[in-house]
Protein backbone atom coordinates (compact mmCIF):
# COMPACT_ATOMS: atom_id res chain seq x y z
CA MET A 1 56.11 -72.04 -69.60
CA LEU A 2 57.97 -69.09 -71.15
CA GLY A 3 59.61 -71.38 -73.68
CA SER A 4 56.27 -72.62 -74.97
CA ALA A 5 54.97 -69.03 -75.24
CA ILE A 6 57.99 -68.10 -77.35
CA VAL A 7 57.43 -71.12 -79.59
CA VAL A 8 53.78 -70.08 -80.10
CA LEU A 9 54.85 -66.51 -80.94
CA HIS A 10 57.46 -67.83 -83.36
CA VAL A 11 54.89 -69.98 -85.15
CA LEU A 12 52.14 -67.34 -85.27
CA VAL A 13 54.06 -64.16 -86.09
CA GLY A 14 57.60 -65.18 -86.91
CA TYR A 15 58.98 -64.04 -83.54
CA ARG A 16 62.76 -64.08 -83.18
CA ASP A 17 64.67 -63.47 -79.96
CA ARG A 18 67.24 -61.37 -81.87
CA PRO A 19 65.41 -59.35 -84.54
CA MET A 20 67.33 -57.66 -87.34
CA GLY A 21 67.65 -53.89 -87.38
CA ILE A 22 65.10 -53.47 -90.17
CA GLU A 23 62.56 -55.45 -88.14
CA LEU A 24 63.11 -53.17 -85.16
CA LEU A 25 62.65 -50.17 -87.45
CA PHE A 26 59.34 -51.52 -88.75
CA TYR A 27 58.17 -52.34 -85.21
CA ALA A 28 58.93 -48.75 -84.17
CA VAL A 29 57.25 -47.23 -87.25
CA THR A 30 54.18 -49.43 -86.76
CA PHE A 31 53.95 -48.50 -83.09
CA ALA A 32 54.32 -44.78 -83.90
CA ALA A 33 51.63 -44.97 -86.60
CA ILE A 34 49.19 -46.75 -84.28
CA ALA A 35 49.88 -44.24 -81.49
CA ALA A 36 49.39 -41.27 -83.85
CA LEU A 37 46.13 -42.66 -85.21
CA MET A 38 44.84 -43.34 -81.70
CA ARG A 39 45.63 -39.75 -80.76
CA ILE A 40 43.90 -38.34 -83.83
CA VAL A 41 40.78 -40.45 -83.34
CA GLY A 42 40.75 -39.71 -79.61
CA ALA A 43 41.00 -35.97 -80.23
CA ARG A 44 38.10 -36.10 -82.70
CA ALA A 45 35.98 -38.11 -80.29
CA ALA A 46 36.72 -35.65 -77.47
CA ARG A 47 35.85 -32.70 -79.73
CA VAL A 48 32.54 -34.30 -80.76
CA ALA A 49 31.68 -35.12 -77.15
CA ARG A 50 32.49 -31.55 -76.10
CA LEU A 51 30.33 -30.11 -78.90
CA GLU A 52 27.45 -32.42 -78.00
CA ALA A 53 27.73 -31.45 -74.34
CA ASN A 54 27.71 -27.75 -75.23
CA ALA A 55 24.73 -28.22 -77.56
CA GLY A 56 22.83 -30.10 -74.87
CA SER A 57 23.46 -27.46 -72.20
CA SER A 58 22.31 -24.55 -74.40
CA THR A 59 18.85 -26.00 -75.08
């Protein structure tokens, strides 16, 4: 079962069981960028929700 999943990953995204250092670097940079963007968007959404809640309670 695991072998067939690895074959599918290899075909779809070029998965290798021993990635080169540059690939690991790009994986880490991509993960960090996604995490940072999620944090930024989440903070904005929380700020908007807080402002809307405050506006709704004052009327």
